[in-house]
PDB file of N, CA and C in Angstrom:
ATOM      1  N   MET A   1       0.844  -1.180   0.000  1.00  0.00           N
ATOM      2  CA  MET A   1       0.000   0.000   0.000  1.00  0.00           C
ATOM      3  C   MET A   1       0.889   1.242   0.000  1.00  0.00           C
ATOM      4  N   SER A   2       0.547   2.230  -0.793  1.00  0.00           N
ATOM      5  CA  SER A   2       1.355   3.440  -0.898  1.00  0.00           C
ATOM      6  C   SER A   2       1.159   4.345   0.315  1.00  0.00           C
ATOM      7  N   ASP A   3       2.075   5.288   0.454  1.00  0.00           N
ATOM      8  CA  ASP A   3       1.958   6.263   1.543  1.00  0.00           C
ATOM      9  C   ASP A   3       0.656   7.054   1.423  1.00  0.00           C
ATOM     10  N   ALA A   4       0.311   7.451   0.191  1.00  0.00           N
ATOM     11  CA  ALA A   4      -0.923   8.209  -0.011  1.00  0.00           C
ATOM     12  C   ALA A   4      -2.134   7.373   0.392  1.00  0.00           C
ATOM     13  N   SER A   5      -2.139   6.124   0.011  1.00  0.00           N
ATOM     14  CA  SER A   5      -3.234   5.235   0.363  1.00  0.00           C
ATOM     15  C   SER A   5      -3.357   5.110   1.879  1.00  0.00           C
ATOM     16  N   ASN A   6      -2.248   4.955   2.546  1.00  0.00           N
ATOM     17  CA  ASN A   6      -2.259   4.861   4.012  1.00  0.00           C
ATOM     18  C   ASN A   6      -2.781   6.138   4.654  1.00  0.00           C
ATOM     19  N   LEU A   7      -2.344   7.287   4.143  1.00  0.00           N
ATOM     20  CA  LEU A   7      -2.790   8.578   4.689  1.00  0.00           C
ATOM     21  C   LEU A   7      -4.293   8.785   4.492  1.00  0.00           C
ATOM     22  N   VAL A   8      -4.770   8.479   3.298  1.00  0.00           N
ATOM     23  CA  VAL A   8      -6.194   8.648   3.000  1.00  0.00           C
ATOM     24  C   VAL A   8      -7.016   7.683   3.845  1.00  0.00           C
ATOM     25  N   ARG A   9      -6.600   6.419   3.926  1.00  0.00           N
ATOM     26  CA  ARG A   9      -7.302   5.430   4.744  1.00  0.00           C
ATOM     27  C   ARG A   9      -7.365   5.892   6.203  1.00  0.00           C
ATOM     28  N   LYS A  10      -6.240   6.319   6.743  1.00  0.00           N
ATOM     29  CA  LYS A  10      -6.192   6.765   8.137  1.00  0.00           C
ATOM     30  C   LYS A  10      -7.147   7.936   8.364  1.00  0.00           C
ATOM     31  N   TYR A  11      -7.157   8.903   7.444  1.00  0.00           N
ATOM     32  CA  TYR A  11      -8.044  10.054   7.575  1.00  0.00           C
ATOM     33  C   TYR A  11      -9.513   9.607   7.573  1.00  0.00           C
ATOM     34  N   ILE A  12      -9.870   8.745   6.637  1.00  0.00           N
ATOM     35  CA  ILE A  12     -11.260   8.287   6.532  1.00  0.00           C
ATOM     36  C   ILE A  12     -11.669   7.511   7.780  1.00  0.00           C
ATOM     37  N   VAL A  13     -10.835   6.596   8.213  1.00  0.00           N
ATOM     38  CA  VAL A  13     -11.159   5.775   9.386  1.00  0.00           C
ATOM     39  C   VAL A  13     -11.300   6.644  10.632  1.00  0.00           C
ATOM     40  N   GLU A  14     -10.383   7.576  10.837  1.00  0.00           N
ATOM     41  CA  GLU A  14     -10.425   8.411  12.035  1.00  0.00           C
ATOM     42  C   GLU A  14     -11.560   9.417  12.023  1.00  0.00           C
ATOM     43  N   ASN A  15     -11.895   9.950  10.846  1.00  0.00           N
ATOM     44  CA  ASN A  15     -12.867  11.037  10.787  1.00  0.00           C
ATOM     45  C   ASN A  15     -14.295  10.617  10.451  1.00  0.00           C
ATOM     46  N   PHE A  16     -14.459   9.461   9.828  1.00  0.00           N
ATOM     47  CA  PHE A  16     -15.799   9.051   9.410  1.00  0.00           C
ATOM     48  C   PHE A  16     -16.227   7.684   9.944  1.00  0.00           C
ATOM     49  N   MET A  17     -15.275   6.892  10.430  1.00  0.00           N
ATOM     50  CA  MET A  17     -15.601   5.529  10.843  1.00  0.00           C
ATOM     51  C   MET A  17     -15.290   5.278  12.322  1.00  0.00           C
ATOM     52  N   PHE A  18     -15.010   6.331  13.058  1.00  0.00           N
ATOM     53  CA  PHE A  18     -14.770   6.242  14.499  1.00  0.00           C
ATOM     54  C   PHE A  18     -13.695   5.217  14.850  1.00  0.00           C
ATOM     55  N   GLY A  19     -12.674   5.131  13.984  1.00  0.00           N
ATOM     56  CA  GLY A  19     -11.537   4.267  14.253  1.00  0.00           C
ATOM     57  C   GLY A  19     -11.719   2.809  13.894  1.00  0.00           C
ATOM     58  N   ASP A  20     -12.875   2.434  13.370  1.00  0.00           N
ATOM     59  CA  ASP A  20     -13.154   1.039  13.022  1.00  0.00           C
ATOM     60  C   ASP A  20     -13.178   0.875  11.509  1.00  0.00           C
ATOM     61  N   ASP A  21     -12.135   0.253  10.950  1.00  0.00           N
ATOM     62  CA  ASP A  21     -12.054   0.131   9.493  1.00  0.00           C
ATOM     63  C   ASP A  21     -12.646  -1.175   8.955  1.00  0.00           C
ATOM     64  N   ALA A  22     -13.481  -1.844   9.753  1.00  0.00           N
ATOM     65  CA  ALA A  22     -14.111  -3.090   9.313  1.00  0.00           C
ATOM     66  C   ALA A  22     -14.904  -2.863   8.029  1.00  0.00           C
ATOM     67  N   GLY A  23     -14.640  -3.687   7.047  1.00  0.00           N
ATOM     68  CA  GLY A  23     -15.365  -3.613   5.778  1.00  0.00           C
ATOM     69  C   GLY A  23     -14.817  -2.595   4.798  1.00  0.00           C
ATOM     70  N   LEU A  24     -13.774  -1.891   5.152  1.00  0.00           N
ATOM     71  CA  LEU A  24     -13.216  -0.880   4.260  1.00  0.00           C
ATOM     72  C   LEU A  24     -12.003  -1.443   3.538  1.00  0.00           C
ATOM     73  N   ASP A  25     -12.110  -1.534   2.220  1.00  0.00           N
ATOM     74  CA  ASP A  25     -10.935  -1.855   1.430  1.00  0.00           C
ATOM     75  C   ASP A  25     -10.740  -0.735   0.409  1.00  0.00           C
ATOM     76  N   ASP A  26      -9.714  -0.824  -0.377  1.00  0.00           N
ATOM     77  CA  ASP A  26      -9.386   0.275  -1.285  1.00  0.00           C
ATOM     78  C   ASP A  26     -10.447   0.524  -2.352  1.00  0.00           C
ATOM     79  N   MET A  27     -11.285  -0.459  -2.634  1.00  0.00           N
ATOM     80  CA  MET A  27     -12.298  -0.320  -3.679  1.00  0.00           C
ATOM     81  C   MET A  27     -13.701  -0.023  -3.127  1.00  0.00           C
ATOM     82  N   THR A  28     -13.857   0.010  -1.812  1.00  0.00           N
ATOM     83  CA  THR A  28     -15.160   0.284  -1.205  1.00  0.00           C
ATOM     84  C   THR A  28     -15.659   1.661  -1.627  1.00  0.00           C
ATOM     85  N   SER A  29     -16.892   1.722  -2.120  1.00  0.00           N
ATOM     86  CA  SER A  29     -17.499   3.006  -2.459  1.00  0.00           C
ATOM     87  C   SER A  29     -17.814   3.743  -1.164  1.00  0.00           C
ATOM     88  N   LEU A  30     -17.197   4.892  -0.995  1.00  0.00           N
ATOM     89  CA  LEU A  30     -17.360   5.645   0.241  1.00  0.00           C
ATOM     90  C   LEU A  30     -18.775   6.194   0.396  1.00  0.00           C
ATOM     91  N   GLN A  31     -19.390   6.585  -0.717  1.00  0.00           N
ATOM     92  CA  GLN A  31     -20.745   7.128  -0.636  1.00  0.00           C
ATOM     93  C   GLN A  31     -21.793   6.028  -0.602  1.00  0.00           C
ATOM     94  N   ALA A  32     -21.701   5.037  -1.468  1.00  0.00           N
ATOM     95  CA  ALA A  32     -22.707   3.972  -1.511  1.00  0.00           C
ATOM     96  C   ALA A  32     -22.737   3.171  -0.211  1.00  0.00           C
ATOM     97  N   SER A  33     -21.587   3.046   0.450  1.00  0.00           N
ATOM     98  CA  SER A  33     -21.529   2.307   1.708  1.00  0.00           C
ATOM     99  C   SER A  33     -21.949   3.157   2.900  1.00  0.00           C
ATOM    100  N   GLY A  34     -22.174   4.455   2.669  1.00  0.00           N
ATOM    101  CA  GLY A  34     -22.613   5.338   3.736  1.00  0.00           C
ATOM    102  C   GLY A  34     -21.494   5.851   4.630  1.00  0.00           C
ATOM    103  N   ILE A  35     -20.269   5.619   4.234  1.00  0.00           N
ATOM    104  CA  ILE A  35     -19.135   6.086   5.044  1.00  0.00           C
ATOM    105  C   ILE A  35     -19.027   7.607   4.985  1.00  0.00           C
ATOM    106  N   ILE A  36     -19.200   8.160   3.793  1.00  0.00           N
ATOM    107  CA  ILE A  36     -19.072   9.608   3.593  1.00  0.00           C
ATOM    108  C   ILE A  36     -20.298  10.122   2.854  1.00  0.00           C
ATOM    109  N   ASP A  37     -20.827  11.259   3.312  1.00  0.00           N
ATOM    110  CA  ASP A  37     -21.910  11.919   2.599  1.00  0.00           C
ATOM    111  C   ASP A  37     -21.335  13.119   1.838  1.00  0.00           C
ATOM    112  N   SER A  38     -22.174  13.944   1.278  1.00  0.00           N
ATOM    113  CA  SER A  38     -21.693  15.061   0.466  1.00  0.00           C
ATOM    114  C   SER A  38     -20.858  16.048   1.280  1.00  0.00           C
ATOM    115  N   THR A  39     -21.230  16.268   2.524  1.00  0.00           N
ATOM    116  CA  THR A  39     -20.435  17.137   3.392  1.00  0.00           C
ATOM    117  C   THR A  39     -19.075  16.499   3.674  1.00  0.00           C
ATOM    118  N   GLY A  40     -19.076  15.188   3.870  1.00  0.00           N
ATOM    119  CA  GLY A  40     -17.831  14.460   4.099  1.00  0.00           C
ATOM    120  C   GLY A  40     -16.887  14.545   2.916  1.00  0.00           C
ATOM    121  N   ILE A  41     -17.445  14.536   1.708  1.00  0.00           N
ATOM    122  CA  ILE A  41     -16.607  14.680   0.513  1.00  0.00           C
ATOM    123  C   ILE A  41     -15.885  16.018   0.556  1.00  0.00           C
ATOM    124  N   LEU A  42     -16.575  17.060   0.959  1.00  0.00           N
ATOM    125  CA  LEU A  42     -15.942  18.376   1.050  1.00  0.00           C
ATOM    126  C   LEU A  42     -14.848  18.394   2.117  1.00  0.00           C
ATOM    127  N   GLU A  43     -15.074  17.693   3.212  1.00  0.00           N
ATOM    128  CA  GLU A  43     -14.043  17.577   4.245  1.00  0.00           C
ATOM    129  C   GLU A  43     -12.840  16.804   3.709  1.00  0.00           C
ATOM    130  N   LEU A  44     -13.095  15.736   2.967  1.00  0.00           N
ATOM    131  CA  LEU A  44     -12.013  14.964   2.358  1.00  0.00           C
ATOM    132  C   LEU A  44     -11.222  15.821   1.378  1.00  0.00           C
ATOM    133  N   VAL A  45     -11.916  16.606   0.575  1.00  0.00           N
ATOM    134  CA  VAL A  45     -11.254  17.492  -0.386  1.00  0.00           C
ATOM    135  C   VAL A  45     -10.361  18.502   0.339  1.00  0.00           C
ATOM    136  N   THR A  46     -10.856  19.071   1.408  1.00  0.00           N
ATOM    137  CA  THR A  46     -10.047  20.020   2.190  1.00  0.00           C
ATOM    138  C   THR A  46      -8.789  19.340   2.721  1.00  0.00           C
ATOM    139  N   PHE A  47      -8.943  18.128   3.250  1.00  0.00           N
ATOM    140  CA  PHE A  47      -7.792  17.368   3.730  1.00  0.00           C
ATOM    141  C   PHE A  47      -6.787  17.139   2.601  1.00  0.00           C
ATOM    142  N   LEU A  48      -7.260  16.695   1.445  1.00  0.00           N
ATOM    143  CA  LEU A  48      -6.357  16.405   0.325  1.00  0.00           C
ATOM    144  C   LEU A  48      -5.636  17.667  -0.148  1.00  0.00           C
ATOM    145  N   GLU A  49      -6.374  18.770  -0.242  1.00  0.00           N
ATOM    146  CA  GLU A  49      -5.756  20.023  -0.688  1.00  0.00           C
ATOM    147  C   GLU A  49      -4.669  20.472   0.284  1.00  0.00           C
ATOM    148  N   GLU A  50      -4.948  20.376   1.574  1.00  0.00           N
ATOM    149  CA  GLU A  50      -3.975  20.815   2.573  1.00  0.00           C
ATOM    150  C   GLU A  50      -2.792  19.857   2.671  1.00  0.00           C
ATOM    151  N   ARG A  51      -3.072  18.565   2.707  1.00  0.00           N
ATOM    152  CA  ARG A  51      -2.009  17.573   2.911  1.00  0.00           C
ATOM    153  C   ARG A  51      -1.081  17.456   1.708  1.00  0.00           C
ATOM    154  N   PHE A  52      -1.647  17.542   0.496  1.00  0.00           N
ATOM    155  CA  PHE A  52      -0.857  17.336  -0.712  1.00  0.00           C
ATOM    156  C   PHE A  52      -0.573  18.623  -1.476  1.00  0.00           C
ATOM    157  N   SER A  53      -0.946  19.766  -0.910  1.00  0.00           N
ATOM    158  CA  SER A  53      -0.691  21.080  -1.520  1.00  0.00           C
ATOM    159  C   SER A  53      -1.176  21.129  -2.969  1.00  0.00           C
ATOM    160  N   ILE A  54      -2.443  20.756  -3.150  1.00  0.00           N
ATOM    161  CA  ILE A  54      -3.051  20.778  -4.474  1.00  0.00           C
ATOM    162  C   ILE A  54      -4.338  21.587  -4.407  1.00  0.00           C
ATOM    163  N   ALA A  55      -4.826  21.954  -5.573  1.00  0.00           N
ATOM    164  CA  ALA A  55      -6.140  22.594  -5.673  1.00  0.00           C
ATOM    165  C   ALA A  55      -7.039  21.634  -6.443  1.00  0.00           C
ATOM    166  N   ILE A  56      -8.236  21.424  -5.930  1.00  0.00           N
ATOM    167  CA  ILE A  56      -9.204  20.548  -6.582  1.00  0.00           C
ATOM    168  C   ILE A  56     -10.361  21.409  -7.060  1.00  0.00           C
ATOM    169  N   SER A  57     -10.585  21.396  -8.371  1.00  0.00           N
ATOM    170  CA  SER A  57     -11.633  22.235  -8.958  1.00  0.00           C
ATOM    171  C   SER A  57     -12.998  21.573  -8.806  1.00  0.00           C
ATOM    172  N   ASP A  58     -14.037  22.358  -8.981  1.00  0.00           N
ATOM    173  CA  ASP A  58     -15.398  21.831  -8.901  1.00  0.00           C
ATOM    174  C   ASP A  58     -15.612  20.708  -9.915  1.00  0.00           C
ATOM    175  N   GLU A  59     -15.007  20.824 -11.094  1.00  0.00           N
ATOM    176  CA  GLU A  59     -15.157  19.815 -12.141  1.00  0.00           C
ATOM    177  C   GLU A  59     -14.531  18.479 -11.746  1.00  0.00           C
ATOM    178  N   GLU A  60     -13.612  18.504 -10.800  1.00  0.00           N
ATOM    179  CA  GLU A  60     -12.932  17.287 -10.360  1.00  0.00           C
ATOM    180  C   GLU A  60     -13.662  16.582  -9.210  1.00  0.00           C
ATOM    181  N   LEU A  61     -14.741  17.183  -8.713  1.00  0.00           N
ATOM    182  CA  LEU A  61     -15.505  16.609  -7.604  1.00  0.00           C
ATOM    183  C   LEU A  61     -16.496  15.575  -8.135  1.00  0.00           C
ATOM    184  N   ILE A  62     -15.951  14.483  -8.658  1.00  0.00           N
ATOM    185  CA  ILE A  62     -16.761  13.424  -9.244  1.00  0.00           C
ATOM    186  C   ILE A  62     -16.381  12.078  -8.612  1.00  0.00           C
ATOM    187  N   PRO A  63     -17.302  11.120  -8.619  1.00  0.00           N
ATOM    188  CA  PRO A  63     -17.010   9.818  -8.010  1.00  0.00           C
ATOM    189  C   PRO A  63     -15.756   9.138  -8.571  1.00  0.00           C
ATOM    190  N   GLN A  64     -15.489   9.310  -9.849  1.00  0.00           N
ATOM    191  CA  GLN A  64     -14.303   8.689 -10.433  1.00  0.00           C
ATOM    192  C   GLN A  64     -13.027   9.153  -9.752  1.00  0.00           C
ATOM    193  N   ASN A  65     -13.066  10.299  -9.104  1.00  0.00           N
ATOM    194  CA  ASN A  65     -11.894  10.828  -8.416  1.00  0.00           C
ATOM    195  C   ASN A  65     -11.921  10.599  -6.900  1.00  0.00           C
ATOM    196  N   LEU A  66     -13.101  10.497  -6.312  1.00  0.00           N
ATOM    197  CA  LEU A  66     -13.180  10.596  -4.854  1.00  0.00           C
ATOM    198  C   LEU A  66     -14.029   9.538  -4.147  1.00  0.00           C
ATOM    199  N   ASP A  67     -14.538   8.533  -4.853  1.00  0.00           N
ATOM    200  CA  ASP A  67     -15.491   7.625  -4.220  1.00  0.00           C
ATOM    201  C   ASP A  67     -14.884   6.376  -3.599  1.00  0.00           C
ATOM    202  N   SER A  68     -13.592   6.220  -3.657  1.00  0.00           N
ATOM    203  CA  SER A  68     -12.934   5.094  -2.979  1.00  0.00           C
ATOM    204  C   SER A  68     -11.493   5.505  -2.700  1.00  0.00           C
ATOM    205  N   ILE A  69     -10.852   4.776  -1.830  1.00  0.00           N
ATOM    206  CA  ILE A  69      -9.442   5.056  -1.558  1.00  0.00           C
ATOM    207  C   ILE A  69      -8.644   4.883  -2.846  1.00  0.00           C
ATOM    208  N   HIS A  70      -8.939   3.844  -3.598  1.00  0.00           N
ATOM    209  CA  HIS A  70      -8.257   3.600  -4.873  1.00  0.00           C
ATOM    210  C   HIS A  70      -8.426   4.785  -5.817  1.00  0.00           C
ATOM    211  N   ASN A  71      -9.660   5.268  -5.965  1.00  0.00           N
ATOM    212  CA  ASN A  71      -9.922   6.400  -6.854  1.00  0.00           C
ATOM    213  C   ASN A  71      -9.189   7.656  -6.393  1.00  0.00           C
ATOM    214  N   VAL A  72      -9.173   7.893  -5.107  1.00  0.00           N
ATOM    215  CA  VAL A  72      -8.481   9.071  -4.566  1.00  0.00           C
ATOM    216  C   VAL A  72      -6.983   8.989  -4.878  1.00  0.00           C
ATOM    217  N   VAL A  73      -6.376   7.828  -4.667  1.00  0.00           N
ATOM    218  CA  VAL A  73      -4.944   7.679  -4.907  1.00  0.00           C
ATOM    219  C   VAL A  73      -4.628   7.840  -6.396  1.00  0.00           C
ATOM    220  N   CYS A  74      -5.451   7.268  -7.266  1.00  0.00           N
ATOM    221  CA  CYS A  74      -5.253   7.453  -8.711  1.00  0.00           C
ATOM    222  C   CYS A  74      -5.377   8.926  -9.082  1.00  0.00           C
ATOM    223  N   PHE A  75      -6.355   9.596  -8.509  1.00  0.00           N
ATOM    224  CA  PHE A  75      -6.543  11.024  -8.742  1.00  0.00           C
ATOM    225  C   PHE A  75      -5.319  11.808  -8.278  1.00  0.00           C
ATOM    226  N   LEU A  76      -4.827  11.497  -7.094  1.00  0.00           N
ATOM    227  CA  LEU A  76      -3.636  12.174  -6.580  1.00  0.00           C
ATOM    228  C   LEU A  76      -2.424  11.923  -7.466  1.00  0.00           C
ATOM    229  N   ASN A  77      -2.281  10.712  -7.959  1.00  0.00           N
ATOM    230  CA  ASN A  77      -1.165  10.415  -8.859  1.00  0.00           C
ATOM    231  C   ASN A  77      -1.217  11.294 -10.106  1.00  0.00           C
ATOM    232  N   GLY A  78      -2.422  11.566 -10.590  1.00  0.00           N
ATOM    233  CA  GLY A  78      -2.583  12.450 -11.745  1.00  0.00           C
ATOM    234  C   GLY A  78      -2.312  13.908 -11.409  1.00  0.00           C
ATOM    235  N   LYS A  79      -2.664  14.320 -10.191  1.00  0.00           N
ATOM    236  CA  LYS A  79      -2.461  15.707  -9.770  1.00  0.00           C
ATOM    237  C   LYS A  79      -1.012  15.979  -9.379  1.00  0.00           C
ATOM    238  N   CYS A  80      -0.295  14.962  -8.937  1.00  0.00           N
ATOM    239  CA  CYS A  80       1.046  15.137  -8.392  1.00  0.00           C
ATOM    240  C   CYS A  80       2.040  14.201  -9.087  1.00  0.00           C
ATOM    241  N   PRO A  81       2.077  14.181 -10.421  1.00  0.00           N
ATOM    242  CA  PRO A  81       2.912  13.181 -11.097  1.00  0.00           C
ATOM    243  C   PRO A  81       4.415  13.338 -10.856  1.00  0.00           C
ATOM    244  N   LEU A  82       4.863  14.522 -10.567  1.00  0.00           N
ATOM    245  CA  LEU A  82       6.309  14.748 -10.404  1.00  0.00           C
ATOM    246  C   LEU A  82       6.765  14.710  -8.961  1.00  0.00           C
ATOM    247  N   ARG A  83       5.827  14.574  -8.050  1.00  0.00           N
ATOM    248  CA  ARG A  83       6.184  14.543  -6.640  1.00  0.00           C
ATOM    249  C   ARG A  83       6.458  13.121  -6.205  1.00  0.00           C
ATOM    250  N   ASN A  84       7.339  12.985  -5.283  1.00  0.00           N
ATOM    251  CA  ASN A  84       7.664  11.662  -4.762  1.00  0.00           C
ATOM    252  C   ASN A  84       6.931  11.438  -3.442  1.00  0.00           C
ATOM    253  N   ILE A  85       5.623  11.739  -3.417  1.00  0.00           N
ATOM    254  CA  ILE A  85       4.851  11.600  -2.181  1.00  0.00           C
ATOM    255  C   ILE A  85       3.921  10.406  -2.223  1.00  0.00           C
ATOM    256  N   LEU A  86       3.730   9.856  -3.402  1.00  0.00           N
ATOM    257  CA  LEU A  86       2.755   8.793  -3.538  1.00  0.00           C
ATOM    258  C   LEU A  86       3.471   7.493  -3.682  1.00  0.00           C
TER     259      LEU A  86
END
């Protein structure tokens, strides 16, 4: 698992799952499973922008980018291709 994946997983578990990651894998749909709602997505976006020093546009707020840990990490890889953080 990559550093980015670990960071995103830790953030989600601590902030939305009360420390219990049962049933959460990298492909779990965060919205369909009820882990994150629309407000939670905005909180996740704020975390990603601050932690990875990126800007996420309104057009990028789509499930393909943010609905699973896997999708978030792929999105980050596209936003930060030259950084050695992922």
